[in-house]
Amino acid sequence: MRLPSSRLGEPTLIPDYQTVMLPLLNLIGDQQEHSLRQAADELAKQFGLTDSERSELLPSGRTPTFLNRVSWARTYMSKAGLLESPRRGIFRITTSGMKVIANPPPQINIAFLEQFPGYIEFRGNRRSPRKPNQAPAPTTPETPEEVLEDAYQNVRESLSDELLTTVKTVSPQFFEQLVVDLLVSMGYGGTREGAGRAVGGSGDGGIDGVINEDLLGLDSVYIQAKRWEAAVGRPEVQKFAGALQGHRSKKGVLITTSSFTHGAEEYVDTIENKIVLINGATLTQLMMDHNVGVSPVSSYDIKKIDSDYFLES
């Protein structure tokens, strides 16, 4: 990863957690107590990060990427004995840390930290601390969360490809029912049986099914399901919009195993009817999210300290 540029007008990139280590140690070198967020805010300024880069989240959508990387830089240097935490949420530099910045290396990274017994113990490695002339161990610029999420996304993308290939082989009737099953799993229609009665086989004026928008059936959503290879263009979407008008409905979902042309996507933004277009890639993502056509194999929970639990009255 390229280091971010701090010169005005040049693009910046979020630095990895190892790149953050030395600047973080220098920042804490004032021997004052710091919070993680305060340190991250100051480092973001030093690296010239934009507001959007500061707010960029990990794929899970829960934690800011840069804050996560600063947190792991702090954790690893704490395990090496360069930082310490006098109380919850606060950290400061140690005597060992002051010695490092007194004669700073070009970069503090995992290989550098391997000279400290505390870090070796943390990593669960029983070998002797690495000598200065010993080859460094392989490292990754990603934090543990990023490694796990990257692996998760790779598994998910592979499953998505396999799932779409399978969906394309089913009969049109099965595909229509699959679409209804998905919408029911997403909270529409109430029950599979209630929604299934609306599936019309070969379709009715461009409509393959109708499903309740809510459990009470206060409004209906009309469905068209196209198991196609070619991209669905504007004419097909216009026909579907016309079919909605014929049913005096303003809401529809058009789902395909392929994709939509730019013209089709532009068209739905210009009409009064609310038509949602779901292409093959989105379809498989929704199927995985709602366990339609897939089944869980294993799951992993990432946990953090519950600060509220440790509040003493």
C-alpha atoms as a PDB file:
ATOM      1  CA  MET A   1       0.000   0.000   0.000  1.00  0.00           C
ATOM      2  CA  ARG A   2       1.325   3.476  -0.903  1.00  0.00           C
ATOM      3  CA  LEU A   3       1.804   5.912   1.922  1.00  0.00           C
ATOM      4  CA  PRO A   4      -0.708   8.739   1.912  1.00  0.00           C
ATOM      5  CA  SER A   5       0.457  12.104   0.705  1.00  0.00           C
ATOM      6  CA  SER A   6       0.022  15.075   2.984  1.00  0.00           C
ATOM      7  CA  ARG A   7       0.538  17.634   0.237  1.00  0.00           C
ATOM      8  CA  LEU A   8      -2.531  19.681  -0.581  1.00  0.00           C
ATOM      9  CA  GLY A   9      -4.437  18.525  -3.645  1.00  0.00           C
ATOM     10  CA  GLU A  10      -2.868  15.058  -3.852  1.00  0.00           C
ATOM     11  CA  PRO A  11      -4.887  11.893  -3.238  1.00  0.00           C
ATOM     12  CA  THR A  12      -4.433  10.041   0.040  1.00  0.00           C
ATOM     13  CA  LEU A  13      -4.840   6.438   1.073  1.00  0.00           C
ATOM     14  CA  ILE A  14      -5.612   5.041   4.496  1.00  0.00           C
ATOM     15  CA  PRO A  15      -2.311   3.787   5.963  1.00  0.00           C
ATOM     16  CA  ASP A  16      -2.083   0.201   7.213  1.00  0.00           C
ATOM     17  CA  TYR A  17      -1.673  -0.503  10.907  1.00  0.00           C
ATOM     18  CA  GLN A  18       2.098  -1.058  10.681  1.00  0.00           C
ATOM     19  CA  THR A  19       2.580   2.305   8.966  1.00  0.00           C
ATOM     20  CA  VAL A  20       0.626   3.852  11.847  1.00  0.00           C
ATOM     21  CA  MET A  21       2.877   2.418  14.574  1.00  0.00           C
ATOM     22  CA  LEU A  22       5.834   4.833  14.530  1.00  0.00           C
ATOM     23  CA  PRO A  23       3.708   7.988  14.128  1.00  0.00           C
ATOM     24  CA  LEU A  24       1.498   6.768  16.985  1.00  0.00           C
ATOM     25  CA  LEU A  25       4.487   6.152  19.248  1.00  0.00           C
ATOM     26  CA  ASN A  26       5.888   9.593  18.384  1.00  0.00           C
ATOM     27  CA  LEU A  27       2.505  11.142  19.161  1.00  0.00           C
ATOM     28  CA  ILE A  28       2.367   9.439  22.559  1.00  0.00           C
ATOM     29  CA  GLY A  29       5.987  10.449  23.120  1.00  0.00           C
ATOM     30  CA  ASP A  30       4.740  13.599  24.858  1.00  0.00           C
ATOM     31  CA  GLN A  31       4.354  11.277  27.888  1.00  0.00           C
ATOM     32  CA  GLN A  32       0.752  12.407  28.354  1.00  0.00           C
ATOM     33  CA  GLU A  33      -2.279  10.160  28.616  1.00  0.00           C
ATOM     34  CA  HIS A  34      -4.292   9.696  25.414  1.00  0.00           C
ATOM     35  CA  SER A  35      -7.539   8.057  24.355  1.00  0.00           C
ATOM     36  CA  LEU A  36      -7.741   5.962  21.202  1.00  0.00           C
ATOM     37  CA  ARG A  37     -10.124   8.312  19.413  1.00  0.00           C
ATOM     38  CA  GLN A  38      -8.057  11.382  20.260  1.00  0.00           C
ATOM     39  CA  ALA A  39      -4.942   9.692  18.930  1.00  0.00           C
ATOM     40  CA  ALA A  40      -6.746   8.553  15.794  1.00  0.00           C
ATOM     41  CA  ASP A  41      -8.043  12.068  15.126  1.00  0.00           C
ATOM     42  CA  GLU A  42      -4.558  13.556  15.449  1.00  0.00           C
ATOM     43  CA  LEU A  43      -2.973  10.872  13.275  1.00  0.00           C
ATOM     44  CA  ALA A  44      -5.671  11.349  10.637  1.00  0.00           C
ATOM     45  CA  LYS A  45      -4.595  14.991  10.406  1.00  0.00           C
ATOM     46  CA  GLN A  46      -0.928  13.994  10.134  1.00  0.00           C
ATOM     47  CA  PHE A  47      -1.690  11.570   7.320  1.00  0.00           C
ATOM     48  CA  GLY A  48      -3.875  14.117   5.552  1.00  0.00           C
ATOM     49  CA  LEU A  49      -6.948  11.890   5.509  1.00  0.00           C
ATOM     50  CA  THR A  50     -10.161  13.319   4.151  1.00  0.00           C
ATOM     51  CA  ASP A  51     -13.456  13.169   6.041  1.00  0.00           C
ATOM     52  CA  SER A  52     -14.623  10.314   3.789  1.00  0.00           C
ATOM     53  CA  GLU A  53     -11.413   8.367   4.436  1.00  0.00           C
ATOM     54  CA  ARG A  54     -11.788   8.884   8.182  1.00  0.00           C
ATOM     55  CA  SER A  55     -15.363   7.599   8.047  1.00  0.00           C
ATOM     56  CA  GLU A  56     -14.671   4.651   5.692  1.00  0.00           C
ATOM     57  CA  LEU A  57     -15.888   1.462   7.365  1.00  0.00           C
ATOM     58  CA  LEU A  58     -14.695  -2.135   7.362  1.00  0.00           C
ATOM     59  CA  PRO A  59     -16.790  -4.448   5.144  1.00  0.00           C
ATOM     60  CA  SER A  60     -18.933  -5.306   8.165  1.00  0.00           C
ATOM     61  CA  GLY A  61     -20.065  -1.679   8.179  1.00  0.00           C
ATOM     62  CA  ARG A  62     -19.577  -1.276  11.917  1.00  0.00           C
ATOM     63  CA  THR A  63     -16.071   0.044  12.597  1.00  0.00           C
ATOM     64  CA  PRO A  64     -14.122   2.865  10.906  1.00  0.00           C
ATOM     65  CA  THR A  65     -11.163   1.335   9.075  1.00  0.00           C
ATOM     66  CA  PHE A  66      -8.603   3.892  10.239  1.00  0.00           C
ATOM     67  CA  LEU A  67      -9.734   3.715  13.879  1.00  0.00           C
ATOM     68  CA  ASN A  68      -9.463  -0.093  13.692  1.00  0.00           C
ATOM     69  CA  ARG A  69      -5.904   0.162  12.374  1.00  0.00           C
ATOM     70  CA  VAL A  70      -4.842   2.655  15.049  1.00  0.00           C
ATOM     71  CA  SER A  71      -6.377   0.361  17.667  1.00  0.00           C
ATOM     72  CA  TRP A  72      -4.344  -2.630  16.490  1.00  0.00           C
ATOM     73  CA  ALA A  73      -1.159  -0.550  16.260  1.00  0.00           C
ATOM     74  CA  ARG A  74      -1.754   0.372  19.910  1.00  0.00           C
ATOM     75  CA  THR A  75      -2.477  -3.241  20.869  1.00  0.00           C
ATOM     76  CA  TYR A  76       0.648  -4.684  19.268  1.00  0.00           C
ATOM     77  CA  MET A  77       2.934  -1.998  20.716  1.00  0.00           C
ATOM     78  CA  SER A  78       1.339  -2.454  24.123  1.00  0.00           C
ATOM     79  CA  LYS A  79       2.067  -6.179  23.989  1.00  0.00           C
ATOM     80  CA  ALA A  80       5.672  -5.319  23.115  1.00  0.00           C
ATOM     81  CA  GLY A  81       5.850  -3.115  26.202  1.00  0.00           C
ATOM     82  CA  LEU A  82       6.137   0.200  24.345  1.00  0.00           C
ATOM     83  CA  LEU A  83       2.754   1.445  25.565  1.00  0.00           C
ATOM     84  CA  GLU A  84       0.764   0.865  28.734  1.00  0.00           C
ATOM     85  CA  SER A  85      -2.798   1.461  29.898  1.00  0.00           C
ATOM     86  CA  PRO A  86      -3.063   3.149  33.324  1.00  0.00           C
ATOM     87  CA  ARG A  87      -6.871   2.842  33.216  1.00  0.00           C
ATOM     88  CA  ARG A  88      -9.643   1.739  30.886  1.00  0.00           C
ATOM     89  CA  GLY A  89      -9.641   3.516  27.523  1.00  0.00           C
ATOM     90  CA  ILE A  90      -6.429   5.446  28.195  1.00  0.00           C
ATOM     91  CA  PHE A  91      -2.841   4.681  27.212  1.00  0.00           C
ATOM     92  CA  ARG A  92       0.605   6.287  27.433  1.00  0.00           C
ATOM     93  CA  ILE A  93       4.205   5.593  26.462  1.00  0.00           C
ATOM     94  CA  THR A  94       6.518   3.451  28.625  1.00  0.00           C
ATOM     95  CA  THR A  95      10.212   3.736  29.344  1.00  0.00           C
ATOM     96  CA  SER A  96      10.859   1.139  26.607  1.00  0.00           C
ATOM     97  CA  GLY A  97       8.792   3.201  24.206  1.00  0.00           C
ATOM     98  CA  MET A  98      10.794   6.341  25.026  1.00  0.00           C
ATOM     99  CA  LYS A  99      14.007   4.445  24.291  1.00  0.00           C
ATOM    100  CA  VAL A 100      12.663   3.497  20.865  1.00  0.00           C
ATOM    101  CA  ILE A 101      11.762   7.041  19.831  1.00  0.00           C
ATOM    102  CA  ALA A 102      15.072   8.320  21.214  1.00  0.00           C
ATOM    103  CA  ASN A 103      16.760   6.285  18.484  1.00  0.00           C
ATOM    104  CA  PRO A 104      13.864   5.629  16.101  1.00  0.00           C
ATOM    105  CA  PRO A 105      13.977   2.935  13.391  1.00  0.00           C
ATOM    106  CA  PRO A 106      12.829   3.755   9.828  1.00  0.00           C
ATOM    107  CA  GLN A 107       9.570   1.979  10.622  1.00  0.00           C
ATOM    108  CA  ILE A 108       7.996   0.085  13.479  1.00  0.00           C
ATOM    109  CA  ASN A 109       6.346  -3.082  12.176  1.00  0.00           C
ATOM    110  CA  ILE A 110       5.680  -6.651  13.266  1.00  0.00           C
ATOM    111  CA  ALA A 111       9.240  -7.687  12.419  1.00  0.00           C
ATOM    112  CA  PHE A 112      10.587  -4.898  14.657  1.00  0.00           C
ATOM    113  CA  LEU A 113       8.314  -5.881  17.548  1.00  0.00           C
ATOM    114  CA  GLU A 114       9.600  -9.461  17.480  1.00  0.00           C
ATOM    115  CA  GLN A 115      12.700  -8.374  19.416  1.00  0.00           C
ATOM    116  CA  PHE A 116      10.529  -7.806  22.504  1.00  0.00           C
ATOM    117  CA  PRO A 117       9.740 -10.856  24.681  1.00  0.00           C
ATOM    118  CA  GLY A 118       6.299  -9.522  25.609  1.00  0.00           C
ATOM    119  CA  TYR A 119       5.235  -9.462  21.985  1.00  0.00           C
ATOM    120  CA  ILE A 120       6.579 -12.978  21.356  1.00  0.00           C
ATOM    121  CA  GLU A 121       4.627 -14.250  24.354  1.00  0.00           C
ATOM    122  CA  PHE A 122       1.496 -12.522  23.094  1.00  0.00           C
ATOM    123  CA  ARG A 123       1.826 -14.234  19.734  1.00  0.00           C
ATOM    124  CA  GLY A 124       2.110 -17.576  21.488  1.00  0.00           C
ATOM    125  CA  ASN A 125       5.535 -18.208  19.956  1.00  0.00           C
ATOM    126  CA  ARG A 126       7.933 -19.948  22.355  1.00  0.00           C
ATOM    127  CA  ARG A 127      11.067 -19.343  20.314  1.00  0.00           C
ATOM    128  CA  SER A 128      13.696 -16.827  21.447  1.00  0.00           C
ATOM    129  CA  PRO A 129      13.253 -13.162  20.539  1.00  0.00           C
ATOM    130  CA  ARG A 130      14.457 -12.410  17.021  1.00  0.00           C
ATOM    131  CA  LYS A 131      17.995 -11.076  16.743  1.00  0.00           C
ATOM    132  CA  PRO A 132      18.599  -7.878  14.752  1.00  0.00           C
ATOM    133  CA  ASN A 133      20.248  -9.731  11.844  1.00  0.00           C
ATOM    134  CA  GLN A 134      17.662 -12.513  11.724  1.00  0.00           C
ATOM    135  CA  ALA A 135      15.225 -12.599   8.786  1.00  0.00           C
ATOM    136  CA  PRO A 136      11.847 -11.132   9.721  1.00  0.00           C
ATOM    137  CA  ALA A 137       8.728 -13.279   9.823  1.00  0.00           C
ATOM    138  CA  PRO A 138       6.165 -12.782   7.037  1.00  0.00           C
ATOM    139  CA  THR A 139       3.689 -10.026   7.882  1.00  0.00           C
ATOM    140  CA  THR A 140       0.456  -8.672   6.501  1.00  0.00           C
ATOM    141  CA  PRO A 141      -0.567  -5.007   6.335  1.00  0.00           C
ATOM    142  CA  GLU A 142      -4.101  -5.956   7.343  1.00  0.00           C
ATOM    143  CA  THR A 143      -5.507  -6.083  10.861  1.00  0.00           C
ATOM    144  CA  PRO A 144      -6.961  -9.386  12.120  1.00  0.00           C
ATOM    145  CA  GLU A 145     -10.495  -8.104  11.481  1.00  0.00           C
ATOM    146  CA  GLU A 146      -9.574  -7.161   7.926  1.00  0.00           C
ATOM    147  CA  VAL A 147      -7.995 -10.558   7.271  1.00  0.00           C
ATOM    148  CA  LEU A 148     -11.098 -12.316   8.593  1.00  0.00           C
ATOM    149  CA  GLU A 149     -13.476 -10.085   6.647  1.00  0.00           C
ATOM    150  CA  ASP A 150     -11.447 -10.473   3.435  1.00  0.00           C
ATOM    151  CA  ALA A 151     -11.613 -14.251   3.821  1.00  0.00           C
ATOM    152  CA  TYR A 152     -15.347 -14.028   4.515  1.00  0.00           C
ATOM    153  CA  GLN A 153     -15.918 -11.909   1.408  1.00  0.00           C
ATOM    154  CA  ASN A 154     -13.917 -14.367  -0.717  1.00  0.00           C
ATOM    155  CA  VAL A 155     -16.036 -17.274   0.526  1.00  0.00           C
ATOM    156  CA  ARG A 156     -19.176 -15.246  -0.052  1.00  0.00           C
ATOM    157  CA  GLU A 157     -18.199 -14.262  -3.609  1.00  0.00           C
ATOM    158  CA  SER A 158     -17.395 -17.866  -4.451  1.00  0.00           C
ATOM    159  CA  LEU A 159     -20.741 -19.014  -3.066  1.00  0.00           C
ATOM    160  CA  SER A 160     -22.510 -16.234  -4.974  1.00  0.00           C
ATOM    161  CA  ASP A 161     -21.038 -17.421  -8.275  1.00  0.00           C
ATOM    162  CA  GLU A 162     -21.969 -21.032  -7.546  1.00  0.00           C
ATOM    163  CA  LEU A 163     -25.453 -20.052  -6.429  1.00  0.00           C
ATOM    164  CA  LEU A 164     -26.150 -17.964  -9.545  1.00  0.00           C
ATOM    165  CA  THR A 165     -24.977 -20.811 -11.794  1.00  0.00           C
ATOM    166  CA  THR A 166     -27.380 -23.150  -9.989  1.00  0.00           C
ATOM    167  CA  VAL A 167     -30.305 -20.726 -10.170  1.00  0.00           C
ATOM    168  CA  LYS A 168     -29.853 -20.403 -13.926  1.00  0.00           C
ATOM    169  CA  THR A 169     -30.404 -24.160 -14.346  1.00  0.00           C
ATOM    170  CA  VAL A 170     -33.800 -24.346 -12.610  1.00  0.00           C
ATOM    171  CA  SER A 171     -37.125 -24.268 -14.456  1.00  0.00           C
ATOM    172  CA  PRO A 172     -38.982 -20.956 -14.922  1.00  0.00           C
ATOM    173  CA  GLN A 173     -41.697 -22.179 -12.543  1.00  0.00           C
ATOM    174  CA  PHE A 174     -39.167 -23.058  -9.849  1.00  0.00           C
ATOM    175  CA  PHE A 175     -37.454 -19.689 -10.316  1.00  0.00           C
ATOM    176  CA  GLU A 176     -40.737 -17.846  -9.804  1.00  0.00           C
ATOM    177  CA  GLN A 177     -41.331 -19.774  -6.583  1.00  0.00           C
ATOM    178  CA  LEU A 178     -37.753 -19.111  -5.492  1.00  0.00           C
ATOM    179  CA  VAL A 179     -38.413 -15.380  -5.873  1.00  0.00           C
ATOM    180  CA  VAL A 180     -41.550 -15.654  -3.734  1.00  0.00           C
ATOM    181  CA  ASP A 181     -39.655 -17.662  -1.098  1.00  0.00           C
ATOM    182  CA  LEU A 182     -37.007 -14.943  -0.986  1.00  0.00           C
ATOM    183  CA  LEU A 183     -39.507 -12.117  -0.586  1.00  0.00           C
ATOM    184  CA  VAL A 184     -41.334 -14.021   2.166  1.00  0.00           C
ATOM    185  CA  SER A 185     -38.002 -14.553   3.942  1.00  0.00           C
ATOM    186  CA  MET A 186     -37.391 -10.814   3.669  1.00  0.00           C
ATOM    187  CA  GLY A 187     -40.655 -10.137   5.507  1.00  0.00           C
ATOM    188  CA  TYR A 188     -43.138  -9.721   2.679  1.00  0.00           C
ATOM    189  CA  GLY A 189     -46.345 -11.668   2.161  1.00  0.00           C
ATOM    190  CA  GLY A 190     -46.793 -13.149   5.610  1.00  0.00           C
ATOM    191  CA  THR A 191     -46.519 -16.863   4.699  1.00  0.00           C
ATOM    192  CA  ARG A 192     -45.158 -18.884   1.808  1.00  0.00           C
ATOM    193  CA  GLU A 193     -48.560 -20.469   1.266  1.00  0.00           C
ATOM    194  CA  GLY A 194     -50.349 -17.129   1.133  1.00  0.00           C
ATOM    195  CA  ALA A 195     -47.837 -15.689  -1.291  1.00  0.00           C
ATOM    196  CA  GLY A 196     -47.582 -18.850  -3.360  1.00  0.00           C
ATOM    197  CA  ARG A 197     -51.239 -18.711  -4.360  1.00  0.00           C
ATOM    198  CA  ALA A 198     -50.466 -15.591  -6.406  1.00  0.00           C
ATOM    199  CA  VAL A 199     -47.842 -17.209  -8.658  1.00  0.00           C
ATOM    200  CA  GLY A 200     -49.355 -17.358 -12.104  1.00  0.00           C
ATOM    201  CA  GLY A 201     -47.332 -19.968 -13.999  1.00  0.00           C
ATOM    202  CA  SER A 202     -46.779 -18.429 -17.414  1.00  0.00           C
ATOM    203  CA  GLY A 203     -47.618 -14.991 -16.045  1.00  0.00           C
ATOM    204  CA  ASP A 204     -50.559 -12.638 -16.423  1.00  0.00           C
ATOM    205  CA  GLY A 205     -49.897  -9.630 -18.637  1.00  0.00           C
ATOM    206  CA  GLY A 206     -46.222  -9.561 -17.679  1.00  0.00           C
ATOM    207  CA  ILE A 207     -46.913 -10.411 -14.031  1.00  0.00           C
ATOM    208  CA  ASP A 208     -45.503 -13.629 -12.576  1.00  0.00           C
ATOM    209  CA  GLY A 209     -46.747 -13.154  -9.032  1.00  0.00           C
ATOM    210  CA  VAL A 210     -48.118 -10.798  -6.442  1.00  0.00           C
ATOM    211  CA  ILE A 211     -47.172 -10.613  -2.807  1.00  0.00           C
ATOM    212  CA  ASN A 212     -48.356  -8.561   0.147  1.00  0.00           C
ATOM    213  CA  GLU A 213     -46.081  -5.684   1.069  1.00  0.00           C
ATOM    214  CA  ASP A 214     -46.899  -6.169   4.752  1.00  0.00           C
ATOM    215  CA  LEU A 215     -48.351  -8.821   7.017  1.00  0.00           C
ATOM    216  CA  LEU A 216     -51.794  -7.207   6.988  1.00  0.00           C
ATOM    217  CA  GLY A 217     -51.996  -7.104   3.212  1.00  0.00           C
ATOM    218  CA  LEU A 218     -52.583  -3.338   3.083  1.00  0.00           C
ATOM    219  CA  ASP A 219     -50.734  -3.079  -0.233  1.00  0.00           C
ATOM    220  CA  SER A 220     -49.523  -5.463  -2.913  1.00  0.00           C
ATOM    221  CA  VAL A 221     -46.255  -5.752  -4.789  1.00  0.00           C
ATOM    222  CA  TYR A 222     -46.291  -7.316  -8.249  1.00  0.00           C
ATOM    223  CA  ILE A 223     -43.414  -9.525  -9.354  1.00  0.00           C
ATOM    224  CA  GLN A 224     -41.816 -10.405 -12.646  1.00  0.00           C
ATOM    225  CA  ALA A 225     -39.048 -13.014 -12.630  1.00  0.00           C
ATOM    226  CA  LYS A 226     -36.831 -13.436 -15.691  1.00  0.00           C
ATOM    227  CA  ARG A 227     -34.353 -16.306 -15.812  1.00  0.00           C
ATOM    228  CA  TRP A 228     -32.338 -14.726 -18.614  1.00  0.00           C
ATOM    229  CA  GLU A 229     -28.764 -14.685 -19.829  1.00  0.00           C
ATOM    230  CA  ALA A 230     -28.973 -11.439 -21.841  1.00  0.00           C
ATOM    231  CA  ALA A 231     -29.297  -8.060 -20.117  1.00  0.00           C
ATOM    232  CA  VAL A 232     -32.860  -6.870 -19.570  1.00  0.00           C
ATOM    233  CA  GLY A 233     -33.414  -3.642 -21.486  1.00  0.00           C
ATOM    234  CA  ARG A 234     -35.734  -0.690 -21.221  1.00  0.00           C
ATOM    235  CA  PRO A 235     -38.505  -2.165 -23.450  1.00  0.00           C
ATOM    236  CA  GLU A 236     -39.000  -5.096 -21.051  1.00  0.00           C
ATOM    237  CA  VAL A 237     -39.153  -2.773 -18.069  1.00  0.00           C
ATOM    238  CA  GLN A 238     -41.663  -0.573 -19.887  1.00  0.00           C
ATOM    239  CA  LYS A 239     -43.873  -3.618 -20.511  1.00  0.00           C
ATOM    240  CA  PHE A 240     -43.728  -4.456 -16.828  1.00  0.00           C
ATOM    241  CA  ALA A 241     -44.648  -0.876 -15.911  1.00  0.00           C
ATOM    242  CA  GLY A 242     -47.620  -1.132 -18.280  1.00  0.00           C
ATOM    243  CA  ALA A 243     -48.691  -4.376 -16.661  1.00  0.00           C
ATOM    244  CA  LEU A 244     -48.626  -2.670 -13.264  1.00  0.00           C
ATOM    245  CA  GLN A 245     -50.917   0.046 -14.562  1.00  0.00           C
ATOM    246  CA  GLY A 246     -53.267  -2.648 -15.848  1.00  0.00           C
ATOM    247  CA  HIS A 247     -53.512  -3.957 -12.298  1.00  0.00           C
ATOM    248  CA  ARG A 248     -53.829  -0.412 -10.910  1.00  0.00           C
ATOM    249  CA  SER A 249     -50.654  -0.954  -8.914  1.00  0.00           C
ATOM    250  CA  LYS A 250     -47.694   1.362  -8.435  1.00  0.00           C
ATOM    251  CA  LYS A 251     -45.237  -1.100  -6.899  1.00  0.00           C
ATOM    252  CA  GLY A 252     -43.311  -3.852  -8.589  1.00  0.00           C
ATOM    253  CA  VAL A 253     -40.141  -5.925  -8.369  1.00  0.00           C
ATOM    254  CA  LEU A 254     -38.417  -7.122 -11.524  1.00  0.00           C
ATOM    255  CA  ILE A 255     -35.851  -9.826 -10.836  1.00  0.00           C
ATOM    256  CA  THR A 256     -33.470 -11.371 -13.350  1.00  0.00           C
ATOM    257  CA  THR A 257     -30.589 -13.809 -13.254  1.00  0.00           C
ATOM    258  CA  SER A 258     -28.678 -11.558 -15.659  1.00  0.00           C
ATOM    259  CA  SER A 259     -28.384  -7.753 -15.495  1.00  0.00           C
ATOM    260  CA  PHE A 260     -30.138  -4.561 -16.566  1.00  0.00           C
ATOM    261  CA  THR A 261     -29.049  -2.107 -19.216  1.00  0.00           C
ATOM    262  CA  HIS A 262     -28.268   1.471 -18.297  1.00  0.00           C
ATOM    263  CA  GLY A 263     -31.379   2.538 -20.180  1.00  0.00           C
ATOM    264  CA  ALA A 264     -33.551   0.253 -18.061  1.00  0.00           C
ATOM    265  CA  GLU A 265     -32.074   1.611 -14.834  1.00  0.00           C
ATOM    266  CA  GLU A 266     -32.573   5.198 -15.992  1.00  0.00           C
ATOM    267  CA  TYR A 267     -36.176   4.491 -16.975  1.00  0.00           C
ATOM    268  CA  VAL A 268     -37.313   3.351 -13.511  1.00  0.00           C
ATOM    269  CA  ASP A 269     -35.996   6.610 -12.056  1.00  0.00           C
ATOM    270  CA  THR A 270     -38.225   8.691 -14.317  1.00  0.00           C
ATOM    271  CA  ILE A 271     -41.625   7.005 -13.883  1.00  0.00           C
ATOM    272  CA  GLU A 272     -44.258   7.410 -11.205  1.00  0.00           C
ATOM    273  CA  ASN A 273     -44.471   3.690 -10.474  1.00  0.00           C
ATOM    274  CA  LYS A 274     -41.979   2.365  -7.945  1.00  0.00           C
ATOM    275  CA  ILE A 275     -40.144  -0.497  -9.658  1.00  0.00           C
ATOM    276  CA  VAL A 276     -37.182  -2.157  -7.976  1.00  0.00           C
ATOM    277  CA  LEU A 277     -34.702  -3.891 -10.295  1.00  0.00           C
ATOM    278  CA  ILE A 278     -32.787  -6.843  -8.846  1.00  0.00           C
ATOM    279  CA  ASN A 279     -30.032  -8.331 -11.006  1.00  0.00           C
ATOM    280  CA  GLY A 280     -28.394 -11.728 -10.629  1.00  0.00           C
ATOM    281  CA  ALA A 281     -25.598 -10.512  -8.366  1.00  0.00           C
ATOM    282  CA  THR A 282     -28.009  -8.760  -5.998  1.00  0.00           C
ATOM    283  CA  LEU A 283     -30.350 -11.752  -6.084  1.00  0.00           C
ATOM    284  CA  THR A 284     -27.680 -14.134  -4.820  1.00  0.00           C
ATOM    285  CA  GLN A 285     -26.580 -11.655  -2.131  1.00  0.00           C
ATOM    286  CA  LEU A 286     -30.161 -11.483  -0.860  1.00  0.00           C
ATOM    287  CA  MET A 287     -30.496 -15.265  -0.996  1.00  0.00           C
ATOM    288  CA  MET A 288     -27.372 -15.657   1.137  1.00  0.00           C
ATOM    289  CA  ASP A 289     -28.444 -12.948   3.590  1.00  0.00           C
ATOM    290  CA  HIS A 290     -31.850 -14.588   4.096  1.00  0.00           C
ATOM    291  CA  ASN A 291     -30.801 -18.260   3.852  1.00  0.00           C
ATOM    292  CA  VAL A 292     -32.775 -19.105   0.722  1.00  0.00           C
ATOM    293  CA  GLY A 293     -31.148 -21.949  -1.200  1.00  0.00           C
ATOM    294  CA  VAL A 294     -28.180 -21.971   1.197  1.00  0.00           C
ATOM    295  CA  SER A 295     -27.566 -23.306   4.695  1.00  0.00           C
ATOM    296  CA  PRO A 296     -25.079 -22.125   7.343  1.00  0.00           C
ATOM    297  CA  VAL A 297     -21.991 -24.280   7.843  1.00  0.00           C
ATOM    298  CA  SER A 298     -20.220 -22.415  10.637  1.00  0.00           C
ATOM    299  CA  SER A 299     -20.172 -18.980  12.225  1.00  0.00           C
ATOM    300  CA  TYR A 300     -17.644 -16.877  14.109  1.00  0.00           C
ATOM    301  CA  ASP A 301     -18.438 -14.160  16.639  1.00  0.00           C
ATOM    302  CA  ILE A 302     -16.001 -11.277  17.040  1.00  0.00           C
ATOM    303  CA  LYS A 303     -16.376  -9.842  20.516  1.00  0.00           C
ATOM    304  CA  LYS A 304     -15.138  -6.755  22.322  1.00  0.00           C
ATOM    305  CA  ILE A 305     -15.077  -5.553  25.894  1.00  0.00           C
ATOM    306  CA  ASP A 306     -18.474  -4.558  27.258  1.00  0.00           C
ATOM    307  CA  SER A 307     -17.502  -1.297  28.961  1.00  0.00           C
ATOM    308  CA  ASP A 308     -20.905  -0.921  30.606  1.00  0.00           C
ATOM    309  CA  TYR A 309     -20.436  -4.226  32.443  1.00  0.00           C
ATOM    310  CA  PHE A 310     -17.331  -2.952  34.203  1.00  0.00           C
ATOM    311  CA  LEU A 311     -18.863   0.319  35.434  1.00  0.00           C
ATOM    312  CA  GLU A 312     -18.714   0.332  39.215  1.00  0.00           C
ATOM    313  CA  SER A 313     -21.245   2.253  41.258  1.00  0.00           C
END
